N, C-alpha and C. Protein backbone atom coordinates (compact mmCIF):
# COMPACT_ATOMS: atom_id res chain seq x y z
N MET A 1 83.83 118.70 99.34
CA MET A 1 83.85 119.85 100.24
C MET A 1 85.08 119.77 101.14
N GLU A 2 85.83 120.84 101.19
CA GLU A 2 87.07 120.85 101.97
C GLU A 2 86.74 120.96 103.44
N SER A 3 87.37 120.10 104.22
CA SER A 3 87.14 120.14 105.66
C SER A 3 88.33 120.78 106.34
N HIS A 4 88.07 121.39 107.46
CA HIS A 4 89.13 122.05 108.22
C HIS A 4 89.17 121.49 109.62
N ALA A 5 90.36 121.22 110.09
CA ALA A 5 90.51 120.73 111.46
C ALA A 5 90.21 121.87 112.41
N PRO A 6 89.61 121.56 113.54
CA PRO A 6 89.30 122.62 114.50
C PRO A 6 90.57 123.29 115.01
N ALA A 7 90.48 124.59 115.19
CA ALA A 7 91.65 125.34 115.64
C ALA A 7 92.01 124.92 117.06
N VAL A 8 93.30 124.79 117.30
CA VAL A 8 93.78 124.45 118.63
C VAL A 8 93.79 125.71 119.48
N PRO A 9 93.08 125.71 120.60
CA PRO A 9 93.04 126.93 121.41
C PRO A 9 94.43 127.26 121.95
N PRO A 10 94.77 128.54 122.00
CA PRO A 10 96.09 128.93 122.51
C PRO A 10 96.24 128.57 123.98
N VAL A 11 97.47 128.30 124.36
CA VAL A 11 97.76 127.98 125.75
C VAL A 11 97.67 129.25 126.58
N GLY A 12 96.89 129.20 127.65
CA GLY A 12 96.71 130.37 128.49
C GLY A 12 97.92 130.69 129.34
N ARG A 13 97.90 131.89 129.92
CA ARG A 13 99.03 132.33 130.73
C ARG A 13 99.26 131.42 131.92
N ARG A 14 98.17 130.99 132.56
CA ARG A 14 98.31 130.13 133.74
C ARG A 14 98.99 128.82 133.38
N GLU A 15 98.59 128.25 132.24
CA GLU A 15 99.19 126.99 131.80
C GLU A 15 100.65 127.18 131.43
N ARG A 16 100.95 128.30 130.79
CA ARG A 16 102.35 128.58 130.43
C ARG A 16 103.21 128.72 131.67
N ASN A 17 102.68 129.37 132.70
CA ASN A 17 103.41 129.51 133.95
C ASN A 17 103.66 128.15 134.59
N LYS A 18 102.67 127.28 134.56
CA LYS A 18 102.81 125.94 135.12
C LYS A 18 103.89 125.16 134.37
N GLN A 19 103.89 125.29 133.06
CA GLN A 19 104.90 124.59 132.26
C GLN A 19 106.30 125.10 132.57
N ARG A 20 106.42 126.41 132.78
CA ARG A 20 107.72 126.99 133.10
C ARG A 20 108.23 126.50 134.45
N VAL A 21 107.32 126.44 135.43
CA VAL A 21 107.72 125.97 136.75
C VAL A 21 108.14 124.51 136.70
N LYS A 22 107.38 123.69 135.98
CA LYS A 22 107.73 122.28 135.86
C LYS A 22 109.08 122.10 135.19
N GLU A 23 109.33 122.88 134.14
CA GLU A 23 110.61 122.79 133.44
C GLU A 23 111.74 123.25 134.34
N ARG A 24 111.49 124.29 135.15
CA ARG A 24 112.52 124.77 136.06
C ARG A 24 112.86 123.72 137.10
N LEU A 25 111.85 123.04 137.62
CA LEU A 25 112.09 121.97 138.58
C LEU A 25 112.87 120.82 137.95
N TYR A 26 112.48 120.46 136.74
CA TYR A 26 113.15 119.36 136.04
C TYR A 26 114.61 119.70 135.77
N THR A 27 114.85 120.91 135.27
CA THR A 27 116.21 121.34 134.98
C THR A 27 117.06 121.40 136.23
N ALA A 28 116.50 121.94 137.32
CA ALA A 28 117.22 122.03 138.58
C ALA A 28 117.57 120.64 139.10
N ALA A 29 116.63 119.72 138.99
CA ALA A 29 116.86 118.36 139.47
C ALA A 29 118.00 117.70 138.71
N LEU A 30 117.99 117.81 137.38
CA LEU A 30 119.03 117.17 136.59
C LEU A 30 120.40 117.80 136.84
N GLU A 31 120.42 119.11 137.06
CA GLU A 31 121.69 119.75 137.38
C GLU A 31 122.27 119.18 138.67
N LEU A 32 121.41 119.03 139.67
CA LEU A 32 121.86 118.51 140.96
C LEU A 32 122.24 117.03 140.88
N PHE A 33 121.47 116.26 140.11
CA PHE A 33 121.80 114.84 139.95
C PHE A 33 123.18 114.70 139.32
N ARG A 34 123.48 115.58 138.37
CA ARG A 34 124.78 115.53 137.70
C ARG A 34 125.89 115.95 138.66
N GLU A 35 125.62 116.93 139.48
CA GLU A 35 126.64 117.45 140.40
C GLU A 35 126.87 116.54 141.61
N ARG A 36 125.77 116.04 142.20
CA ARG A 36 125.86 115.33 143.47
C ARG A 36 125.51 113.85 143.39
N GLY A 37 124.74 113.48 142.37
CA GLY A 37 124.20 112.14 142.30
C GLY A 37 122.74 112.13 142.71
N TYR A 38 122.01 111.14 142.26
CA TYR A 38 120.57 111.07 142.53
C TYR A 38 120.27 110.89 144.01
N ASP A 39 120.92 109.93 144.64
CA ASP A 39 120.63 109.63 146.05
C ASP A 39 121.03 110.78 146.97
N GLN A 40 122.03 111.56 146.59
CA GLN A 40 122.52 112.63 147.45
C GLN A 40 121.74 113.93 147.26
N THR A 41 120.76 113.92 146.37
CA THR A 41 119.95 115.11 146.11
C THR A 41 118.57 114.93 146.72
N SER A 42 118.16 115.88 147.55
CA SER A 42 116.85 115.81 148.19
C SER A 42 115.84 116.69 147.45
N ILE A 43 114.57 116.48 147.77
CA ILE A 43 113.52 117.31 147.19
C ILE A 43 113.70 118.76 147.63
N ASP A 44 114.12 118.96 148.87
CA ASP A 44 114.40 120.32 149.34
C ASP A 44 115.49 120.97 148.50
N ASP A 45 116.51 120.21 148.15
CA ASP A 45 117.60 120.74 147.32
C ASP A 45 117.05 121.20 145.96
N ILE A 46 116.19 120.37 145.40
CA ILE A 46 115.64 120.68 144.07
C ILE A 46 114.77 121.92 144.13
N ALA A 47 113.91 122.00 145.15
CA ALA A 47 113.02 123.15 145.30
C ALA A 47 113.83 124.44 145.50
N GLU A 48 114.89 124.34 146.29
CA GLU A 48 115.73 125.52 146.53
C GLU A 48 116.43 125.96 145.25
N ARG A 49 116.97 125.00 144.50
CA ARG A 49 117.66 125.35 143.24
C ARG A 49 116.67 125.97 142.24
N ALA A 50 115.43 125.46 142.23
CA ALA A 50 114.42 125.97 141.30
C ALA A 50 113.75 127.24 141.82
N ASP A 51 114.05 127.61 143.08
CA ASP A 51 113.49 128.81 143.70
C ASP A 51 111.97 128.73 143.82
N VAL A 52 111.49 127.58 144.33
CA VAL A 52 110.07 127.40 144.60
C VAL A 52 109.92 126.78 145.99
N ALA A 53 108.70 126.83 146.51
CA ALA A 53 108.43 126.22 147.80
C ALA A 53 108.49 124.69 147.67
N ARG A 54 108.82 124.02 148.77
CA ARG A 54 108.92 122.57 148.74
C ARG A 54 107.62 121.93 148.27
N GLY A 55 106.50 122.44 148.73
CA GLY A 55 105.21 121.87 148.35
C GLY A 55 104.93 121.98 146.85
N THR A 56 105.52 122.98 146.21
CA THR A 56 105.31 123.16 144.77
C THR A 56 105.84 121.96 143.99
N PHE A 57 106.92 121.37 144.49
CA PHE A 57 107.50 120.21 143.80
C PHE A 57 106.46 119.12 143.61
N PHE A 58 105.67 118.85 144.64
CA PHE A 58 104.72 117.75 144.60
C PHE A 58 103.52 118.04 143.69
N ASN A 59 103.34 119.29 143.30
CA ASN A 59 102.28 119.60 142.34
C ASN A 59 102.62 119.08 140.95
N TYR A 60 103.91 118.84 140.71
CA TYR A 60 104.36 118.42 139.39
C TYR A 60 104.96 117.02 139.38
N PHE A 61 105.59 116.65 140.48
CA PHE A 61 106.21 115.33 140.60
C PHE A 61 105.84 114.75 141.96
N PRO A 62 104.86 113.86 142.02
CA PRO A 62 104.44 113.28 143.30
C PRO A 62 105.58 112.63 144.07
N ARG A 63 106.57 112.10 143.35
CA ARG A 63 107.73 111.47 143.98
C ARG A 63 108.99 111.88 143.24
N LYS A 64 110.10 111.88 143.95
CA LYS A 64 111.37 112.19 143.28
C LYS A 64 111.62 111.19 142.16
N GLU A 65 111.18 109.96 142.35
CA GLU A 65 111.38 108.91 141.35
C GLU A 65 110.71 109.24 140.02
N ASP A 66 109.66 110.08 140.06
CA ASP A 66 108.96 110.44 138.82
C ASP A 66 109.85 111.24 137.88
N LEU A 67 110.89 111.85 138.40
CA LEU A 67 111.85 112.55 137.55
C LEU A 67 112.59 111.57 136.66
N ILE A 68 112.79 110.34 137.15
CA ILE A 68 113.45 109.31 136.34
C ILE A 68 112.58 108.99 135.13
N GLY A 69 111.26 108.88 135.36
CA GLY A 69 110.35 108.61 134.26
C GLY A 69 110.36 109.72 133.23
N SER A 70 110.39 110.97 133.69
CA SER A 70 110.43 112.11 132.77
C SER A 70 111.71 112.10 131.95
N TRP A 71 112.81 111.80 132.62
CA TRP A 71 114.11 111.71 131.93
C TRP A 71 114.07 110.63 130.86
N SER A 72 113.52 109.47 131.21
CA SER A 72 113.44 108.36 130.26
C SER A 72 112.55 108.71 129.07
N GLU A 73 111.42 109.37 129.33
CA GLU A 73 110.51 109.75 128.25
C GLU A 73 111.15 110.75 127.30
N ARG A 74 111.91 111.67 127.84
CA ARG A 74 112.56 112.67 126.98
C ARG A 74 113.66 112.05 126.14
N ARG A 75 114.35 111.09 126.69
CA ARG A 75 115.36 110.37 125.91
C ARG A 75 114.70 109.59 124.78
N ARG A 76 113.57 109.00 125.07
CA ARG A 76 112.84 108.26 124.03
C ARG A 76 112.43 109.20 122.91
N ALA A 77 111.90 110.37 123.27
CA ALA A 77 111.49 111.34 122.26
C ALA A 77 112.69 111.82 121.44
N LYS A 78 113.82 112.01 122.10
CA LYS A 78 115.03 112.44 121.41
C LYS A 78 115.49 111.38 120.42
N LEU A 79 115.42 110.11 120.82
CA LEU A 79 115.81 109.02 119.92
C LEU A 79 114.90 109.00 118.70
N MET A 80 113.60 109.08 118.91
CA MET A 80 112.67 109.02 117.79
C MET A 80 112.87 110.20 116.85
N THR A 81 113.19 111.37 117.40
CA THR A 81 113.45 112.54 116.56
C THR A 81 114.69 112.34 115.71
N GLN A 82 115.74 111.80 116.32
CA GLN A 82 116.98 111.56 115.57
C GLN A 82 116.78 110.52 114.48
N LEU A 83 116.01 109.48 114.78
CA LEU A 83 115.76 108.46 113.76
C LEU A 83 114.95 109.03 112.61
N ALA A 84 114.00 109.90 112.94
CA ALA A 84 113.18 110.52 111.89
C ALA A 84 114.03 111.45 111.03
N GLU A 85 114.96 112.16 111.67
CA GLU A 85 115.82 113.09 110.92
C GLU A 85 116.75 112.37 109.96
N THR A 86 117.20 111.17 110.34
CA THR A 86 118.08 110.40 109.46
C THR A 86 117.27 109.55 108.48
N LYS A 87 115.93 109.61 108.61
CA LYS A 87 115.04 108.84 107.73
C LYS A 87 115.41 107.37 107.75
N SER A 88 115.78 106.88 108.95
CA SER A 88 116.25 105.50 109.05
C SER A 88 115.18 104.49 108.68
N TYR A 89 113.91 104.84 108.87
CA TYR A 89 112.86 103.87 108.59
C TYR A 89 112.57 103.73 107.10
N GLY A 90 113.25 104.52 106.29
CA GLY A 90 113.11 104.36 104.85
C GLY A 90 114.26 103.55 104.28
N SER A 91 115.17 103.13 105.13
CA SER A 91 116.34 102.37 104.69
C SER A 91 116.12 100.89 104.97
N GLY A 92 117.11 100.07 104.60
CA GLY A 92 117.04 98.65 104.88
C GLY A 92 117.16 98.37 106.36
N ALA A 93 116.84 97.16 106.75
CA ALA A 93 116.81 96.79 108.16
C ALA A 93 118.19 96.91 108.81
N VAL A 94 119.23 96.47 108.12
CA VAL A 94 120.57 96.53 108.69
C VAL A 94 120.97 97.98 108.95
N THR A 95 120.72 98.85 107.97
CA THR A 95 121.03 100.26 108.13
C THR A 95 120.24 100.86 109.28
N GLN A 96 118.97 100.51 109.38
CA GLN A 96 118.14 101.03 110.46
C GLN A 96 118.66 100.60 111.83
N LEU A 97 119.04 99.35 111.96
CA LEU A 97 119.55 98.86 113.23
C LEU A 97 120.84 99.58 113.61
N ARG A 98 121.72 99.78 112.64
CA ARG A 98 122.98 100.47 112.91
C ARG A 98 122.73 101.93 113.27
N GLN A 99 121.81 102.58 112.57
CA GLN A 99 121.51 103.98 112.87
C GLN A 99 120.89 104.11 114.26
N CYS A 100 120.05 103.17 114.61
CA CYS A 100 119.40 103.19 115.92
C CYS A 100 120.44 103.03 117.03
N MET A 101 121.33 102.06 116.89
CA MET A 101 122.36 101.85 117.90
C MET A 101 123.31 103.05 117.98
N PHE A 102 123.65 103.61 116.83
CA PHE A 102 124.55 104.76 116.83
C PHE A 102 123.90 105.95 117.53
N ALA A 103 122.61 106.16 117.27
CA ALA A 103 121.88 107.26 117.92
C ALA A 103 121.84 107.06 119.42
N LEU A 104 121.61 105.83 119.87
CA LEU A 104 121.60 105.54 121.30
C LEU A 104 122.95 105.85 121.93
N GLY A 105 124.02 105.47 121.23
CA GLY A 105 125.34 105.74 121.74
C GLY A 105 125.60 107.23 121.88
N ARG A 106 125.22 108.00 120.87
CA ARG A 106 125.47 109.44 120.89
C ARG A 106 124.67 110.13 121.99
N ILE A 107 123.42 109.71 122.19
CA ILE A 107 122.59 110.32 123.23
C ILE A 107 123.24 110.17 124.60
N ASN A 108 123.80 109.00 124.85
CA ASN A 108 124.46 108.76 126.13
C ASN A 108 125.80 109.48 126.24
N GLU A 109 126.55 109.50 125.15
CA GLU A 109 127.86 110.14 125.16
C GLU A 109 127.76 111.65 125.35
N GLU A 110 126.69 112.24 124.83
CA GLU A 110 126.53 113.69 124.89
C GLU A 110 126.27 114.19 126.31
N GLU A 111 125.78 113.32 127.19
CA GLU A 111 125.50 113.72 128.57
C GLU A 111 125.95 112.62 129.53
N ARG A 112 127.25 112.31 129.46
CA ARG A 112 127.77 111.16 130.19
C ARG A 112 127.53 111.25 131.69
N GLU A 113 127.87 112.37 132.31
CA GLU A 113 127.73 112.48 133.76
C GLU A 113 126.29 112.28 134.21
N LEU A 114 125.36 112.90 133.47
CA LEU A 114 123.95 112.75 133.82
C LEU A 114 123.49 111.32 133.56
N THR A 115 123.95 110.73 132.47
CA THR A 115 123.56 109.36 132.16
C THR A 115 123.99 108.40 133.26
N VAL A 116 125.21 108.56 133.75
CA VAL A 116 125.70 107.68 134.82
C VAL A 116 124.85 107.83 136.07
N ALA A 117 124.55 109.08 136.45
CA ALA A 117 123.74 109.31 137.65
C ALA A 117 122.33 108.76 137.50
N MET A 118 121.72 109.01 136.35
CA MET A 118 120.33 108.60 136.16
C MET A 118 120.21 107.11 135.90
N LEU A 119 121.21 106.53 135.24
CA LEU A 119 121.17 105.10 134.99
C LEU A 119 121.21 104.32 136.30
N THR A 120 122.04 104.79 137.22
CA THR A 120 122.11 104.15 138.53
C THR A 120 120.76 104.22 139.24
N ALA A 121 120.15 105.40 139.20
CA ALA A 121 118.84 105.58 139.84
C ALA A 121 117.78 104.76 139.14
N TRP A 122 117.86 104.67 137.82
CA TRP A 122 116.89 103.92 137.01
C TRP A 122 116.91 102.45 137.38
N VAL A 123 118.10 101.90 137.56
CA VAL A 123 118.22 100.49 137.93
C VAL A 123 117.74 100.26 139.36
N LYS A 124 118.16 101.14 140.30
CA LYS A 124 117.76 101.00 141.70
C LYS A 124 116.24 101.05 141.86
N ALA A 125 115.59 101.86 141.03
CA ALA A 125 114.14 102.01 141.11
C ALA A 125 113.40 100.86 140.44
N GLY A 126 114.14 99.92 139.85
CA GLY A 126 113.52 98.78 139.20
C GLY A 126 112.89 99.09 137.86
N ARG A 127 113.28 100.23 137.27
CA ARG A 127 112.67 100.63 136.00
C ARG A 127 112.91 99.68 134.84
N PRO A 128 114.08 99.01 134.76
CA PRO A 128 114.27 98.07 133.63
C PRO A 128 113.21 96.98 133.60
N ILE A 129 112.64 96.64 134.76
CA ILE A 129 111.61 95.61 134.82
C ILE A 129 110.22 96.22 134.70
N GLN A 130 110.04 97.39 135.30
CA GLN A 130 108.72 98.00 135.36
C GLN A 130 108.28 98.63 134.05
N GLU A 131 109.21 99.28 133.36
CA GLU A 131 108.86 100.04 132.18
C GLU A 131 108.63 99.14 130.96
N GLU A 132 107.80 99.65 130.06
CA GLU A 132 107.59 98.94 128.80
C GLU A 132 108.91 98.94 128.02
N PRO A 133 109.31 97.79 127.49
CA PRO A 133 110.59 97.71 126.77
C PRO A 133 110.49 98.31 125.37
N TYR A 134 110.39 99.64 125.32
CA TYR A 134 110.15 100.28 124.03
C TYR A 134 111.30 100.06 123.06
N MET A 135 112.54 99.95 123.58
CA MET A 135 113.65 99.72 122.68
C MET A 135 113.53 98.36 122.01
N ALA A 136 113.11 97.35 122.78
CA ALA A 136 112.91 96.02 122.21
C ALA A 136 111.86 96.07 121.11
N ASP A 137 110.82 96.86 121.31
CA ASP A 137 109.76 96.98 120.30
C ASP A 137 110.27 97.65 119.03
N ILE A 138 111.11 98.68 119.20
CA ILE A 138 111.68 99.35 118.02
C ILE A 138 112.56 98.38 117.24
N PHE A 139 113.44 97.69 117.95
CA PHE A 139 114.30 96.71 117.28
C PHE A 139 113.49 95.61 116.61
N ALA A 140 112.46 95.13 117.30
CA ALA A 140 111.64 94.05 116.75
C ALA A 140 110.96 94.49 115.46
N GLY A 141 110.48 95.73 115.43
CA GLY A 141 109.83 96.22 114.22
C GLY A 141 110.79 96.27 113.04
N ILE A 142 112.02 96.67 113.30
CA ILE A 142 113.02 96.72 112.22
C ILE A 142 113.36 95.32 111.73
N VAL A 143 113.55 94.39 112.67
CA VAL A 143 113.86 93.01 112.29
C VAL A 143 112.70 92.40 111.50
N ARG A 144 111.48 92.68 111.92
CA ARG A 144 110.31 92.14 111.23
C ARG A 144 110.27 92.60 109.77
N SER A 145 110.56 93.89 109.56
CA SER A 145 110.56 94.41 108.19
C SER A 145 111.68 93.78 107.38
N GLY A 146 112.84 93.53 108.03
CA GLY A 146 113.95 92.90 107.33
C GLY A 146 113.65 91.48 106.92
N CYS A 147 112.90 90.75 107.76
CA CYS A 147 112.49 89.39 107.40
C CYS A 147 111.51 89.39 106.24
N GLN A 148 110.63 90.38 106.24
CA GLN A 148 109.62 90.46 105.19
C GLN A 148 110.22 90.78 103.84
N THR A 149 111.28 91.60 103.84
CA THR A 149 111.91 91.97 102.57
C THR A 149 112.97 90.96 102.13
N GLY A 150 113.33 90.03 103.01
CA GLY A 150 114.35 89.05 102.67
C GLY A 150 115.75 89.49 103.00
N GLU A 151 115.90 90.68 103.59
CA GLU A 151 117.24 91.15 103.96
C GLU A 151 117.79 90.33 105.12
N LEU A 152 116.91 89.91 106.03
CA LEU A 152 117.30 89.07 107.14
C LEU A 152 116.71 87.68 106.95
N THR A 153 117.33 86.71 107.58
CA THR A 153 116.94 85.33 107.43
C THR A 153 115.48 85.09 107.81
N ASP A 154 114.75 84.45 106.94
CA ASP A 154 113.35 84.13 107.22
C ASP A 154 113.29 83.14 108.38
N GLY A 155 112.30 83.29 109.23
CA GLY A 155 112.14 82.38 110.35
C GLY A 155 112.66 82.92 111.66
N LEU A 156 113.32 84.09 111.63
CA LEU A 156 113.74 84.71 112.88
C LEU A 156 112.52 85.14 113.69
N SER A 157 112.66 85.18 114.99
CA SER A 157 111.62 85.73 115.86
C SER A 157 111.92 87.20 116.09
N PRO A 158 111.16 88.12 115.48
CA PRO A 158 111.43 89.54 115.67
C PRO A 158 111.38 89.96 117.14
N ASP A 159 110.42 89.43 117.88
CA ASP A 159 110.31 89.82 119.28
C ASP A 159 111.53 89.36 120.08
N LEU A 160 111.98 88.14 119.82
CA LEU A 160 113.16 87.65 120.53
C LEU A 160 114.40 88.42 120.12
N MET A 161 114.53 88.69 118.83
CA MET A 161 115.68 89.48 118.37
C MET A 161 115.65 90.89 118.96
N GLY A 162 114.44 91.46 119.06
CA GLY A 162 114.32 92.78 119.64
C GLY A 162 114.77 92.79 121.09
N SER A 163 114.39 91.76 121.84
CA SER A 163 114.80 91.66 123.23
C SER A 163 116.31 91.44 123.35
N MET A 164 116.86 90.63 122.46
CA MET A 164 118.30 90.38 122.48
C MET A 164 119.08 91.67 122.22
N LEU A 165 118.63 92.43 121.24
CA LEU A 165 119.33 93.68 120.91
C LEU A 165 119.22 94.68 122.07
N ARG A 166 118.06 94.74 122.71
CA ARG A 166 117.90 95.62 123.87
C ARG A 166 118.84 95.18 125.00
N ASP A 167 118.90 93.88 125.23
CA ASP A 167 119.77 93.37 126.29
C ASP A 167 121.24 93.68 126.00
N LEU A 168 121.63 93.53 124.75
CA LEU A 168 123.00 93.82 124.36
C LEU A 168 123.31 95.31 124.51
N TYR A 169 122.34 96.15 124.14
CA TYR A 169 122.51 97.59 124.30
C TYR A 169 122.68 97.96 125.77
N LEU A 170 121.80 97.44 126.63
CA LEU A 170 121.88 97.77 128.05
C LEU A 170 123.18 97.25 128.67
N GLY A 171 123.60 96.06 128.26
CA GLY A 171 124.86 95.52 128.78
C GLY A 171 126.03 96.42 128.42
N SER A 172 126.07 96.89 127.19
CA SER A 172 127.15 97.81 126.78
C SER A 172 127.06 99.13 127.53
N LEU A 173 125.83 99.61 127.73
CA LEU A 173 125.64 100.87 128.44
C LEU A 173 126.12 100.76 129.88
N TYR A 174 125.81 99.64 130.54
CA TYR A 174 126.25 99.45 131.92
C TYR A 174 127.78 99.42 132.00
N ARG A 175 128.41 98.70 131.07
CA ARG A 175 129.87 98.62 131.08
C ARG A 175 130.49 100.00 130.84
N TRP A 176 129.95 100.68 129.86
CA TRP A 176 130.47 102.00 129.50
C TRP A 176 130.33 102.98 130.66
N SER A 177 129.19 102.97 131.34
CA SER A 177 128.94 103.92 132.42
C SER A 177 129.79 103.62 133.66
N SER A 178 130.28 102.39 133.79
CA SER A 178 131.07 102.03 134.97
C SER A 178 132.55 102.36 134.80
N ARG A 179 132.96 102.71 133.59
CA ARG A 179 134.36 103.08 133.37
C ARG A 179 134.65 104.47 133.91
N LYS A 180 135.87 104.68 134.29
CA LYS A 180 136.27 106.01 134.72
C LYS A 180 136.30 106.94 133.53
N GLU A 181 136.06 108.22 133.79
CA GLU A 181 135.99 109.18 132.71
C GLU A 181 137.27 109.19 131.89
N ALA A 182 138.41 108.96 132.52
CA ALA A 182 139.68 108.97 131.80
C ALA A 182 139.76 107.83 130.80
N GLU A 183 138.95 106.79 131.01
CA GLU A 183 138.97 105.64 130.12
C GLU A 183 137.99 105.78 128.97
N GLN A 184 137.22 106.88 128.96
CA GLN A 184 136.23 107.07 127.92
C GLN A 184 136.88 107.62 126.66
N ASP A 185 136.92 106.82 125.63
CA ASP A 185 137.41 107.29 124.33
C ASP A 185 136.26 107.91 123.57
N ALA A 186 136.55 108.91 122.77
CA ALA A 186 135.51 109.56 122.00
C ALA A 186 134.80 108.54 121.12
N GLY A 187 133.48 108.50 121.26
CA GLY A 187 132.69 107.60 120.42
C GLY A 187 132.77 106.15 120.80
N SER A 188 133.35 105.83 121.96
CA SER A 188 133.57 104.43 122.31
C SER A 188 132.28 103.64 122.45
N LEU A 189 131.26 104.22 123.03
CA LEU A 189 130.00 103.49 123.19
C LEU A 189 129.33 103.29 121.83
N SER A 190 129.29 104.32 121.03
CA SER A 190 128.70 104.20 119.69
C SER A 190 129.41 103.13 118.87
N ALA A 191 130.74 103.14 118.93
CA ALA A 191 131.52 102.16 118.17
C ALA A 191 131.23 100.75 118.65
N GLU A 192 131.15 100.57 119.97
CA GLU A 192 130.87 99.24 120.50
C GLU A 192 129.48 98.75 120.09
N LEU A 193 128.50 99.65 120.11
CA LEU A 193 127.14 99.26 119.74
C LEU A 193 127.05 98.88 118.27
N LEU A 194 127.78 99.60 117.42
CA LEU A 194 127.78 99.26 116.00
C LEU A 194 128.45 97.90 115.78
N THR A 195 129.51 97.63 116.51
CA THR A 195 130.19 96.33 116.40
C THR A 195 129.26 95.21 116.84
N ILE A 196 128.48 95.44 117.88
CA ILE A 196 127.54 94.43 118.37
C ILE A 196 126.54 94.08 117.28
N VAL A 197 125.98 95.10 116.63
CA VAL A 197 125.01 94.84 115.56
C VAL A 197 125.66 94.03 114.45
N ASP A 198 126.86 94.43 114.05
CA ASP A 198 127.53 93.74 112.95
C ASP A 198 127.85 92.29 113.31
N HIS A 199 128.29 92.05 114.52
CA HIS A 199 128.58 90.68 114.94
C HIS A 199 127.31 89.84 114.98
N LEU A 200 126.25 90.40 115.50
CA LEU A 200 125.00 89.66 115.60
C LEU A 200 124.44 89.35 114.22
N LEU A 201 124.45 90.34 113.34
CA LEU A 201 123.87 90.13 112.01
C LEU A 201 124.75 89.25 111.13
N ALA A 202 126.00 89.11 111.48
CA ALA A 202 126.85 88.20 110.71
C ALA A 202 126.34 86.77 110.81
N GLY A 203 125.59 86.47 111.86
CA GLY A 203 125.07 85.12 112.02
C GLY A 203 123.67 84.94 111.50
N VAL A 204 122.94 86.05 111.25
CA VAL A 204 121.55 85.91 110.82
C VAL A 204 121.25 86.59 109.49
N GLY A 205 122.15 87.42 109.00
CA GLY A 205 121.88 88.13 107.76
C GLY A 205 122.31 87.33 106.54
N ASN A 206 121.89 87.85 105.40
CA ASN A 206 122.25 87.21 104.14
C ASN A 206 123.50 87.83 103.52
N LYS A 207 124.07 88.82 104.23
CA LYS A 207 125.25 89.49 103.69
C LYS A 207 126.47 89.13 104.54
N PRO A 208 127.66 89.21 103.96
CA PRO A 208 128.89 88.90 104.72
C PRO A 208 129.10 89.89 105.84
N PHE A 209 129.88 89.48 106.82
CA PHE A 209 130.17 90.30 107.98
C PHE A 209 130.87 91.59 107.57
N ARG A 210 130.41 92.70 108.15
CA ARG A 210 131.00 94.00 107.88
C ARG A 210 132.20 94.20 108.80
N ASN A 211 133.37 94.36 108.23
CA ASN A 211 134.58 94.51 109.06
C ASN A 211 134.91 95.98 109.23
């Protein structure tokens, strides 16, 4: 007997309006963070740019810091979408790691000014310590599959490798974001991240170093 999933009820007008207001606040906040910086932007500034009352802001974001979490979550979703589009999880571990690093580089390069502003706020808020290290988990899963297939050296610690790759990514991101815009070469972060993967895997993989 064929079963049917229950129909998802349509989103009501009130809920749609709430979603629009939240998106307007989020968009206004990021515009201001890019223009002025995170610390120089107040909740009043955000509410005024979004054309809502100050109290409305707190209905969606209890603290200004919660915007950092929303930004981080959207970046995570964007990364997962890009990885799915490239079908990286159907490839070998080395290819997956390179595609993942390249995608991370592109996401940051595409919105450099906002990345610099939000990265500074993210660090000041202690998010690197507070948040779940999802990037380390993604890297660890790829390394684990590579060990299982024999593409990577047996006996590696996937969790440790995942943390190492995350640390290397963040270190490159910090260096890249601290450079002056005139020093930013097209694709420089992506290129550096790919080189990091290749250098690291030259010591643990079964294949020769990719030059």
